[in-house]
C-alpha atoms as a PDB file:
ATOM      1  CA  MET A   1      -3.289   8.825 -15.243  1.00  0.00           C
ATOM      2  CA  SER A   2      -7.008   8.404 -15.764  1.00  0.00           C
ATOM      3  CA  THR A   3      -7.733   4.710 -15.761  1.00  0.00           C
ATOM      4  CA  LYS A   4      -7.355   1.566 -13.756  1.00  0.00           C
ATOM      5  CA  ALA A   5      -5.298   0.160 -16.666  1.00  0.00           C
ATOM      6  CA  ALA A   6      -2.798   3.030 -16.437  1.00  0.00           C
ATOM      7  CA  PHE A   7      -2.535   2.458 -12.668  1.00  0.00           C
ATOM      8  CA  HIS A   8      -1.801  -1.205 -13.395  1.00  0.00           C
ATOM      9  CA  ARG A   9       1.021  -0.242 -15.807  1.00  0.00           C
ATOM     10  CA  VAL A  10       2.672   2.005 -13.209  1.00  0.00           C
ATOM     11  CA  LEU A  11       2.436  -0.741 -10.597  1.00  0.00           C
ATOM     12  CA  SER A  12       3.810  -3.323 -13.026  1.00  0.00           C
ATOM     13  CA  ASP A  13       6.894  -1.165 -13.528  1.00  0.00           C
ATOM     14  CA  LEU A  14       7.310  -0.663  -9.771  1.00  0.00           C
ATOM     15  CA  THR A  15       6.833  -4.324  -8.866  1.00  0.00           C
ATOM     16  CA  GLY A  16       9.337  -5.232 -11.574  1.00  0.00           C
ATOM     17  CA  GLN A  17      11.903  -3.141  -9.713  1.00  0.00           C
ATOM     18  CA  ILE A  18      11.255  -4.864  -6.382  1.00  0.00           C
ATOM     19  CA  ALA A  19      10.578  -8.446  -7.513  1.00  0.00           C
ATOM     20  CA  GLY A  20      13.111 -10.860  -6.075  1.00  0.00           C
ATOM     21  CA  ARG A  21      14.407  -8.451  -3.420  1.00  0.00           C
ATOM     22  CA  PRO A  22      14.153  -9.535   0.217  1.00  0.00           C
ATOM     23  CA  LEU A  23      11.367  -7.752   2.104  1.00  0.00           C
ATOM     24  CA  SER A  24      13.480  -5.951   4.687  1.00  0.00           C
ATOM     25  CA  ALA A  25      14.473  -2.570   6.079  1.00  0.00           C
ATOM     26  CA  ALA A  26      16.999  -2.276   3.245  1.00  0.00           C
ATOM     27  CA  LEU A  27      14.151  -2.493   0.716  1.00  0.00           C
ATOM     28  CA  ALA A  28      12.237   0.214   2.607  1.00  0.00           C
ATOM     29  CA  ASP A  29      15.337   2.424   2.511  1.00  0.00           C
ATOM     30  CA  TRP A  30      15.740   1.853  -1.234  1.00  0.00           C
ATOM     31  CA  LEU A  31      12.045   2.554  -1.931  1.00  0.00           C
ATOM     32  CA  ASN A  32      12.216   5.790   0.058  1.00  0.00           C
ATOM     33  CA  GLU A  33      15.337   6.861  -1.853  1.00  0.00           C
ATOM     34  CA  ALA A  34      14.175   5.847  -5.326  1.00  0.00           C
ATOM     35  CA  HIS A  35      10.405   6.421  -4.966  1.00  0.00           C
ATOM     36  CA  GLY A  36      10.143   8.688  -1.927  1.00  0.00           C
ATOM     37  CA  VAL A  37       7.670  11.473  -1.206  1.00  0.00           C
ATOM     38  CA  GLU A  38       9.408  14.024  -3.448  1.00  0.00           C
ATOM     39  CA  SER A  39       9.669  11.658  -6.415  1.00  0.00           C
ATOM     40  CA  VAL A  40       7.530  11.701  -9.527  1.00  0.00           C
ATOM     41  CA  SER A  41       6.643   8.030  -8.934  1.00  0.00           C
ATOM     42  CA  TYR A  42       5.256   8.731  -5.433  1.00  0.00           C
ATOM     43  CA  GLN A  43       3.279  11.725  -6.677  1.00  0.00           C
ATOM     44  CA  THR A  44       1.932   9.684  -9.619  1.00  0.00           C
ATOM     45  CA  LEU A  45       0.844   6.817  -7.377  1.00  0.00           C
ATOM     46  CA  LYS A  46      -0.764   9.139  -4.842  1.00  0.00           C
ATOM     47  CA  ALA A  47      -2.653  11.080  -7.533  1.00  0.00           C
ATOM     48  CA  ALA A  48      -3.847   7.797  -9.076  1.00  0.00           C
ATOM     49  CA  CYS A  49      -5.040   6.511  -5.707  1.00  0.00           C
ATOM     50  CA  VAL A  50      -6.900   9.730  -4.911  1.00  0.00           C
ATOM     51  CA  GLN A  51      -8.485   9.660  -8.370  1.00  0.00           C
ATOM     52  CA  GLY A  52      -9.363   5.969  -8.039  1.00  0.00           C
ATOM     53  CA  VAL A  53     -11.154   6.624  -4.746  1.00  0.00           C
ATOM     54  CA  GLU A  54     -13.033   9.545  -6.303  1.00  0.00           C
ATOM     55  CA  GLU A  55     -14.012   7.402  -9.314  1.00  0.00           C
ATOM     56  CA  GLY A  56     -15.059   4.498  -7.093  1.00  0.00           C
ATOM     57  CA  TRP A  57     -12.722   1.761  -8.339  1.00  0.00           C
ATOM     58  CA  LEU A  58     -10.456   2.029  -5.277  1.00  0.00           C
ATOM     59  CA  CYS A  59     -11.605   1.465  -1.703  1.00  0.00           C
ATOM     60  CA  ASP A  60     -14.998   0.313  -2.947  1.00  0.00           C
ATOM     61  CA  ARG A  61     -15.855  -1.583   0.256  1.00  0.00           C
ATOM     62  CA  GLU A  62     -16.342  -0.392   3.811  1.00  0.00           C
ATOM     63  CA  GLY A  63     -16.289  -2.093   7.172  1.00  0.00           C
ATOM     64  CA  ALA A  64     -15.680  -0.915  10.727  1.00  0.00           C
ATOM     65  CA  GLY A  65     -14.886   2.604   9.506  1.00  0.00           C
ATOM     66  CA  ILE A  66     -12.260   1.485   6.979  1.00  0.00           C
ATOM     67  CA  ARG A  67     -12.709   1.858   3.234  1.00  0.00           C
ATOM     68  CA  TYR A  68     -10.729  -0.815   1.433  1.00  0.00           C
ATOM     69  CA  GLY A  69     -10.446  -3.064  -1.576  1.00  0.00           C
ATOM     70  CA  ARG A  70      -8.183  -5.403  -3.485  1.00  0.00           C
ATOM     71  CA  VAL A  71      -7.495  -3.629  -6.755  1.00  0.00           C
ATOM     72  CA  PHE A  72      -5.492  -6.400  -8.432  1.00  0.00           C
ATOM     73  CA  LYS A  73      -4.924 -10.020  -7.526  1.00  0.00           C
ATOM     74  CA  ALA A  74      -1.393 -11.403  -7.619  1.00  0.00           C
ATOM     75  CA  GLU A  75      -0.484 -12.033 -11.245  1.00  0.00           C
ATOM     76  CA  ASP A  76       2.577 -12.377 -13.425  1.00  0.00           C
ATOM     77  CA  ALA A  77       2.180  -8.852 -14.865  1.00  0.00           C
ATOM     78  CA  LEU A  78       2.523  -7.529 -11.298  1.00  0.00           C
ATOM     79  CA  HIS A  79       5.412  -9.887 -10.539  1.00  0.00           C
ATOM     80  CA  ARG A  80       3.157 -11.963  -8.242  1.00  0.00           C
ATOM     81  CA  PHE A  81       2.165  -9.048  -5.966  1.00  0.00           C
ATOM     82  CA  SER A  82      -1.457  -8.279  -5.179  1.00  0.00           C
ATOM     83  CA  VAL A  83      -2.471  -4.639  -4.708  1.00  0.00           C
ATOM     84  CA  ASP A  84      -4.829  -3.401  -2.010  1.00  0.00           C
ATOM     85  CA  VAL A  85      -5.624   0.163  -0.951  1.00  0.00           C
ATOM     86  CA  VAL A  86      -7.204   1.269   2.328  1.00  0.00           C
ATOM     87  CA  ASP A  87      -8.523   4.648   3.464  1.00  0.00           C
ATOM     88  CA  MET A  88      -8.229   5.102   7.243  1.00  0.00           C
ATOM     89  CA  ARG A  89      -8.520   7.971   9.699  1.00  0.00           C
ATOM     90  CA  ASP A  90      -7.154   7.810  13.259  1.00  0.00           C
ATOM     91  CA  MET A  91      -7.804   4.153  13.924  1.00  0.00           C
ATOM     92  CA  ALA A  92      -6.378   0.660  14.118  1.00  0.00           C
ATOM     93  CA  GLY A  93      -7.459  -1.973  11.648  1.00  0.00           C
ATOM     94  CA  PRO A  94      -7.861  -5.715  12.133  1.00  0.00           C
ATOM     95  CA  HIS A  95      -4.822  -7.695  13.236  1.00  0.00           C
ATOM     96  CA  HIS A  96      -3.234  -9.721  10.472  1.00  0.00           C
ATOM     97  CA  GLY A  97      -0.043 -11.497   9.552  1.00  0.00           C
ATOM     98  CA  HIS A  98       2.147 -11.404   6.477  1.00  0.00           C
ATOM     99  CA  PRO A  99       3.336 -14.913   5.557  1.00  0.00           C
ATOM    100  CA  ASN A 100       5.472 -13.492   2.727  1.00  0.00           C
ATOM    101  CA  GLY A 101       5.833  -9.931   4.026  1.00  0.00           C
ATOM    102  CA  GLU A 102       4.109  -6.678   3.068  1.00  0.00           C
ATOM    103  CA  ILE A 103       5.206  -3.475   1.325  1.00  0.00           C
ATOM    104  CA  ASP A 104       3.238  -0.328   2.198  1.00  0.00           C
ATOM    105  CA  LEU A 105       3.034   3.080   0.559  1.00  0.00           C
ATOM    106  CA  ILE A 106       1.735   5.699   3.016  1.00  0.00           C
ATOM    107  CA  MET A 107      -0.067   8.669   1.483  1.00  0.00           C
ATOM    108  CA  PRO A 108      -1.407  11.199   4.018  1.00  0.00           C
ATOM    109  CA  LEU A 109      -4.568  13.016   2.934  1.00  0.00           C
ATOM    110  CA  GLU A 110      -5.375  15.024   6.067  1.00  0.00           C
ATOM    111  CA  GLY A 111      -2.859  16.155   8.655  1.00  0.00           C
ATOM    112  CA  PRO A 112       0.585  14.583   9.070  1.00  0.00           C
ATOM    113  CA  ALA A 113      -0.988  11.116   9.147  1.00  0.00           C
ATOM    114  CA  THR A 114       1.275   8.206  10.004  1.00  0.00           C
ATOM    115  CA  PHE A 115       0.899   4.479   9.448  1.00  0.00           C
ATOM    116  CA  ASP A 116       2.228   2.337  12.302  1.00  0.00           C
ATOM    117  CA  GLY A 117       4.326   5.364  13.254  1.00  0.00           C
ATOM    118  CA  HIS A 118       5.778   5.782   9.742  1.00  0.00           C
ATOM    119  CA  PRO A 119       5.302   9.122   7.948  1.00  0.00           C
ATOM    120  CA  ALA A 120       4.531   9.535   4.244  1.00  0.00           C
ATOM    121  CA  GLY A 121       6.602   7.143   2.153  1.00  0.00           C
ATOM    122  CA  TRP A 122       7.344   3.443   2.269  1.00  0.00           C
ATOM    123  CA  CYS A 123       7.600   0.821   4.983  1.00  0.00           C
ATOM    124  CA  VAL A 124       8.262  -2.887   4.602  1.00  0.00           C
ATOM    125  CA  TYR A 125       7.272  -5.777   6.864  1.00  0.00           C
ATOM    126  CA  PRO A 126       9.323  -8.974   6.569  1.00  0.00           C
ATOM    127  CA  PRO A 127       7.847 -12.441   6.078  1.00  0.00           C
ATOM    128  CA  GLY A 128       6.220 -13.771   9.238  1.00  0.00           C
ATOM    129  CA  SER A 129       5.454 -10.342  10.683  1.00  0.00           C
ATOM    130  CA  ALA A 130       2.042  -9.228  11.985  1.00  0.00           C
ATOM    131  CA  HIS A 131       0.370  -6.026  13.178  1.00  0.00           C
ATOM    132  CA  HIS A 132      -2.762  -3.994  13.827  1.00  0.00           C
ATOM    133  CA  PRO A 133      -2.424  -1.500  10.921  1.00  0.00           C
ATOM    134  CA  THR A 134      -2.815   1.890  12.577  1.00  0.00           C
ATOM    135  CA  VAL A 135      -3.279   5.339  11.086  1.00  0.00           C
ATOM    136  CA  ALA A 136      -2.740   8.192  13.544  1.00  0.00           C
ATOM    137  CA  MET A 137      -2.727  12.013  13.358  1.00  0.00           C
ATOM    138  CA  GLY A 138      -5.098  12.243  10.417  1.00  0.00           C
ATOM    139  CA  ARG A 139      -6.311  10.402   7.349  1.00  0.00           C
ATOM    140  CA  ALA A 140      -4.221   8.393   4.901  1.00  0.00           C
ATOM    141  CA  LEU A 141      -4.475   6.094   1.957  1.00  0.00           C
ATOM    142  CA  VAL A 142      -2.189   3.084   2.270  1.00  0.00           C
ATOM    143  CA  LEU A 143      -1.304   0.927  -0.723  1.00  0.00           C
ATOM    144  CA  TYR A 144      -0.330  -2.649   0.164  1.00  0.00           C
ATOM    145  CA  LEU A 145       1.752  -4.908  -2.029  1.00  0.00           C
ATOM    146  CA  LEU A 146       1.456  -8.512  -0.858  1.00  0.00           C
ATOM    147  CA  PRO A 147       3.676 -11.215  -2.377  1.00  0.00           C
ATOM    148  CA  GLU A 148       1.338 -13.871  -3.835  1.00  0.00           C
ATOM    149  CA  GLY A 149      -1.557 -11.926  -2.254  1.00  0.00           C
ATOM    150  CA  GLN A 150      -0.919 -13.660   1.061  1.00  0.00           C
ATOM    151  CA  ILE A 151      -2.464 -12.176   4.199  1.00  0.00           C
ATOM    152  CA  GLU A 152      -3.788 -13.935   7.295  1.00  0.00           C
ATOM    153  CA  PHE A 153      -6.390 -12.181   9.417  1.00  0.00           C
ATOM    154  CA  THR A 154      -6.486 -13.231  13.062  1.00  0.00           C
ATOM    155  CA  LYS A 155      -9.433 -13.268  15.446  1.00  0.00           C
END
């Protein structure tokens, strides 16, 4: 995969598989079974994210030690999910809530990095949840899928 357009196609296929499913622990279990760390889909997404960061079209902003960026706004081709990617190392990010939930793909880059205590793979936050996104034990890229692009940062 060498372009942002190819990344979009892969994400369109993935979001098509999850569209309409409740954002719950059962979805996280399914994602980790169907698209887990050993799968071709996980490896493809991770390689695309690493390449996107290297090429500068992913994580093109920086603030408070976090590189981040919204890659795609919520659109019909992505089944109404927006796509964001962050690059964090041993830190907590700004507190925010998920009105419609959040689906996260955790991709360690250095060490056995975890995201909110989750190792490499997928975690899902249900609608109405909130957190300080935290990467510990190293550096990771985290891809966020947000239904309708909804996120609420708190002060």
